[in-house]
Protein backbone atom coordinates (compact mmCIF):
# COMPACT_ATOMS: atom_id res chain seq x y z
CA UNK A 1 -18.35 -206.92 -338.06
CA UNK A 2 -19.31 -210.85 -336.35
CA UNK A 3 -21.60 -210.97 -333.38
CA UNK A 4 -20.63 -213.90 -330.84
CA UNK A 5 -23.85 -215.27 -328.70
CA UNK A 6 -22.34 -216.66 -325.39
CA UNK A 7 -25.22 -219.50 -323.88
CA UNK A 8 -24.99 -220.85 -320.02
CA UNK A 9 -23.01 -224.29 -320.03
CA UNK A 10 -24.31 -226.89 -317.50
CA UNK A 11 -21.47 -225.71 -315.21
CA UNK A 12 -21.97 -222.11 -315.90
CA UNK A 13 -23.30 -219.98 -313.00
CA UNK A 14 -26.96 -219.65 -312.25
CA UNK A 15 -29.32 -217.25 -313.20
CA UNK A 16 -30.99 -214.63 -310.67
CA UNK A 17 -34.60 -216.33 -310.89
CA UNK A 18 -33.03 -219.70 -309.81
CA UNK A 19 -31.31 -218.07 -306.96
CA UNK A 20 -34.19 -216.48 -305.93
CA UNK A 21 -36.35 -219.99 -306.14
CA UNK A 22 -33.50 -221.68 -304.30
CA UNK A 23 -33.66 -219.32 -301.57
CA UNK A 24 -37.54 -218.96 -301.49
CA UNK A 25 -37.23 -222.86 -301.25
CA UNK A 26 -34.92 -222.64 -297.99
CA UNK A 27 -36.92 -220.35 -296.65
CA UNK A 28 -40.08 -222.61 -296.90
CA UNK A 29 -37.53 -225.73 -295.54
CA UNK A 30 -36.43 -223.57 -292.51
CA UNK A 31 -40.54 -222.37 -291.62
CA UNK A 32 -41.52 -226.47 -291.80
CA UNK A 33 -38.68 -227.21 -289.53
CA UNK A 34 -39.36 -224.66 -286.98
CA UNK A 35 -43.12 -225.20 -287.08
CA UNK A 36 -42.12 -229.45 -286.75
CA UNK A 37 -39.28 -228.34 -284.10
CA UNK A 38 -41.98 -226.01 -281.90
CA UNK A 39 -44.24 -228.59 -282.04
CA UNK A 40 -42.39 -231.47 -280.72
CA UNK A 41 -40.91 -229.27 -277.95
CA UNK A 42 -44.50 -228.51 -277.29
CA UNK A 43 -45.50 -232.16 -276.93
CA UNK A 44 -43.06 -233.05 -274.87
CA UNK A 45 -43.23 -230.15 -272.09
CA UNK A 46 -47.04 -231.30 -272.28
CA UNK A 47 -45.99 -235.08 -272.07
CA UNK A 48 -43.84 -233.95 -268.85
CA UNK A 49 -46.34 -231.95 -267.22
CA UNK A 50 -48.91 -234.92 -267.82
CA UNK A 51 -46.23 -237.53 -266.69
CA UNK A 52 -45.41 -235.27 -263.33
CA UNK A 53 -49.43 -234.25 -262.36
CA UNK A 54 -50.38 -238.11 -262.62
CA UNK A 55 -46.88 -238.85 -260.59
CA UNK A 56 -48.43 -236.21 -257.91
CA UNK A 57 -51.91 -238.26 -257.88
CA UNK A 58 -50.10 -240.95 -257.52
CA UNK A 59 -48.11 -240.04 -254.35
CA UNK A 60 -51.41 -239.11 -252.92
CA UNK A 61 -53.10 -242.17 -253.68
CA UNK A 62 -49.84 -244.34 -252.19
CA UNK A 63 -50.71 -242.36 -249.03
CA UNK A 64 -53.93 -242.91 -248.80
CA UNK A 65 -53.33 -246.64 -249.39
CA UNK A 66 -50.55 -246.62 -246.74
CA UNK A 67 -53.37 -245.06 -244.20
CA UNK A 68 -56.02 -247.52 -245.35
CA UNK A 69 -53.50 -250.66 -244.75
CA UNK A 70 -53.15 -249.41 -241.05
CA UNK A 71 -56.56 -249.33 -239.99
CA UNK A 72 -57.18 -252.03 -237.06
CA UNK A 73 -59.19 -255.35 -237.74
CA UNK A 74 -60.44 -255.40 -234.80
CA UNK A 75 -60.87 -253.30 -231.67
CA UNK A 76 -61.66 -249.42 -231.24
CA UNK A 77 -61.30 -247.28 -234.61
CA UNK A 78 -63.21 -244.89 -236.56
CA UNK A 79 -63.54 -244.60 -240.48
CA UNK A 80 -66.49 -242.14 -241.90
CA UNK A 81 -67.07 -240.79 -245.16
CA UNK A 82 -69.42 -238.35 -246.45
CA UNK A 83 -70.23 -237.51 -250.17
CA UNK A 84 -70.57 -233.26 -250.93
CA UNK A 85 -70.93 -231.57 -254.09
CA UNK A 86 -68.70 -228.19 -254.84
CA UNK A 87 -69.56 -226.72 -257.96
CA UNK A 88 -71.85 -229.07 -259.29
CA UNK A 89 -68.49 -231.05 -258.83
CA UNK A 90 -67.79 -234.34 -256.16
CA UNK A 91 -66.01 -232.89 -253.25
CA UNK A 92 -66.04 -235.97 -250.82
CA UNK A 93 -64.77 -236.42 -247.45
CA UNK A 94 -63.00 -239.15 -245.86
CA UNK A 95 -62.23 -239.33 -242.19
CA UNK A 96 -60.06 -241.86 -240.00
CA UNK A 97 -58.31 -242.09 -236.72
CA UNK A 98 -54.59 -242.77 -236.52
CA UNK A 99 -51.75 -242.47 -234.79
CA UNK A 100 -48.76 -240.68 -235.95
CA UNK A 101 -47.24 -241.42 -239.26
CA UNK A 102 -48.17 -240.55 -242.60
CA UNK A 103 -51.67 -239.87 -241.63
CA UNK A 104 -50.41 -236.98 -239.76
CA UNK A 105 -47.11 -236.03 -241.09
CA UNK A 106 -45.22 -236.74 -238.72
CA UNK A 107 -43.11 -239.19 -236.62
CA UNK A 108 -42.84 -238.02 -233.59
CA UNK A 109 -46.43 -236.44 -232.26
CA UNK A 110 -47.95 -238.32 -229.13
CA UNK A 111 -51.20 -239.63 -228.90
CA UNK A 112 -54.29 -240.51 -231.59
CA UNK A 113 -55.43 -238.02 -234.21
CA UNK A 114 -58.24 -237.35 -236.98
CA UNK A 115 -57.43 -236.92 -239.90
CA UNK A 116 -60.17 -235.90 -242.91
CA UNK A 117 -59.20 -236.06 -246.39
CA UNK A 118 -61.14 -233.33 -247.95
CA UNK A 119 -61.04 -230.43 -250.87
CA UNK A 120 -60.41 -226.82 -249.94
CA UNK A 121 -60.44 -223.91 -251.53
CA UNK A 122 -57.08 -221.91 -251.93
CA UNK A 123 -57.06 -218.70 -250.57
CA UNK A 124 -57.63 -215.72 -252.69
CA UNK A 125 -57.72 -217.69 -255.43
CA UNK A 126 -60.48 -219.80 -257.54
CA UNK A 127 -58.65 -223.06 -257.24
CA UNK A 128 -59.34 -225.91 -254.62
CA UNK A 129 -56.77 -228.05 -253.04
CA UNK A 130 -56.90 -231.71 -251.54
CA UNK A 131 -55.12 -231.81 -248.38
CA UNK A 132 -55.63 -233.42 -244.80
CA UNK A 133 -57.59 -231.63 -242.05
CA UNK A 134 -56.12 -232.83 -238.87
CA UNK A 135 -56.27 -232.48 -235.24
CA UNK A 136 -56.24 -234.89 -231.65
CA UNK A 137 -58.50 -236.90 -231.20
CA UNK A 138 -59.93 -235.12 -228.14
CA UNK A 139 -58.98 -232.05 -229.16
CA UNK A 140 -60.83 -228.91 -230.43
CA UNK A 141 -61.37 -226.98 -234.06
CA UNK A 142 -58.87 -224.44 -232.80
CA UNK A 143 -56.34 -227.59 -232.93
CA UNK A 144 -56.87 -228.24 -236.15
CA UNK A 145 -54.32 -227.80 -238.40
CA UNK A 146 -54.34 -228.03 -242.84
CA UNK A 147 -52.23 -230.20 -244.44
CA UNK A 148 -52.17 -229.57 -248.66
CA UNK A 149 -51.23 -232.10 -250.57
CA UNK A 150 -52.45 -231.48 -254.34
CA UNK A 151 -53.39 -228.39 -256.46
CA UNK A 152 -55.26 -227.35 -258.06
CA UNK A 153 -58.11 -230.25 -257.95
CA UNK A 154 -61.23 -229.72 -259.30
CA UNK A 155 -62.96 -232.87 -257.82
CA UNK A 156 -62.59 -235.53 -255.92
CA UNK A 157 -65.12 -238.59 -255.39
CA UNK A 158 -64.95 -242.00 -252.98
CA UNK A 159 -66.50 -245.00 -253.27
CA UNK A 160 -66.69 -247.66 -251.39
CA UNK A 161 -67.41 -251.73 -251.09
CA UNK A 162 -69.84 -253.10 -248.68
CA UNK A 163 -69.15 -256.58 -248.58
CA UNK A 164 -72.62 -257.26 -246.63
CA UNK A 165 -74.27 -255.08 -249.43
CA UNK A 166 -72.69 -256.75 -252.15
CA UNK A 167 -72.59 -252.86 -253.56
CA UNK A 168 -70.71 -249.78 -253.82
CA UNK A 169 -71.91 -247.04 -251.34
CA UNK A 170 -71.61 -243.20 -251.48
CA UNK A 171 -70.91 -242.80 -248.00
CA UNK A 172 -69.75 -244.77 -244.73
CA UNK A 173 -71.40 -244.39 -240.97
CA UNK A 174 -70.57 -248.14 -239.58
CA UNK A 175 -67.99 -248.63 -236.89
CA UNK A 176 -68.23 -251.58 -236.80
CA UNK A 177 -66.92 -252.43 -240.02
CA UNK A 178 -64.69 -250.62 -242.41
CA UNK A 179 -65.27 -251.05 -246.39
CA UNK A 180 -63.39 -253.97 -248.40
CA UNK A 181 -62.64 -251.58 -251.29
CA UNK A 182 -61.98 -247.76 -251.90
CA UNK A 183 -62.94 -246.34 -255.53
CA UNK A 184 -60.43 -243.05 -255.65
CA UNK A 185 -61.57 -240.81 -258.28
CA UNK A 186 -59.44 -237.25 -258.58
CA UNK A 187 -59.66 -234.58 -261.66
CA UNK A 188 -57.41 -232.03 -261.92
CA UNK A 189 -58.87 -229.68 -263.88
CA UNK A 190 -61.92 -229.06 -265.41
CA UNK A 191 -62.50 -231.05 -268.84
CA UNK A 192 -59.87 -233.46 -267.77
CA UNK A 193 -60.08 -237.37 -267.56
CA UNK A 194 -59.86 -237.98 -264.26
CA UNK A 195 -57.52 -240.03 -262.57
CA UNK A 196 -59.36 -243.29 -261.16
CA UNK A 197 -57.90 -246.14 -258.72
CA UNK A 198 -59.05 -248.95 -256.48
CA UNK A 199 -57.26 -249.08 -253.13
CA UNK A 200 -57.88 -252.30 -251.15
CA UNK A 201 -58.68 -252.21 -246.93
CA UNK A 202 -56.27 -254.88 -245.44
CA UNK A 203 -58.21 -255.01 -241.89
CA UNK A 204 -61.05 -255.90 -243.98
CA UNK A 205 -60.05 -259.28 -244.99
CA UNK A 206 -59.62 -260.42 -241.14
CA UNK A 207 -62.82 -257.66 -239.33
CA UNK A 208 -65.14 -260.22 -237.66
């Protein structure tokens, strides 16, 4: 009786061990790709959220720059600012007078308005929002309206360059002049890096 021994050549089938190893490698590759794609998607989502939040802050800064540009260089005007703190964070307030326009969010309102840019706690929540508190110059607190601009906001800080003092100040009480520059710092959430900006005041260049 003759015994025949059959061996697998290079072109034969795969053994069970080779199939198991191949499946294991494919599974590891799939898991790695899944984690990589997930990380990329999360990174894009965070990047988009940060871009959107910075765009929202940019809109508020643009609104404020328009209002500063419209402050009169001479004649009757009212501009004031006070530093405040709430919960250990800056919650400064800036106030000014203006006619109908971006400051009162309308182009048809008659008369002059007193507008304050400030932080206010959101009703029924723990967040704060940055907004405009407005009322007619001769009006009362019952005539005030609140216009929310940005939420959430952890802190807002205003500083002002006083040309006569050649330094920054944290408050403004001189109605005879306006600051040359306004330094704005807005922090959206606790632990976030604040968004800083320096705004110019056109009226300061020609005031006497």
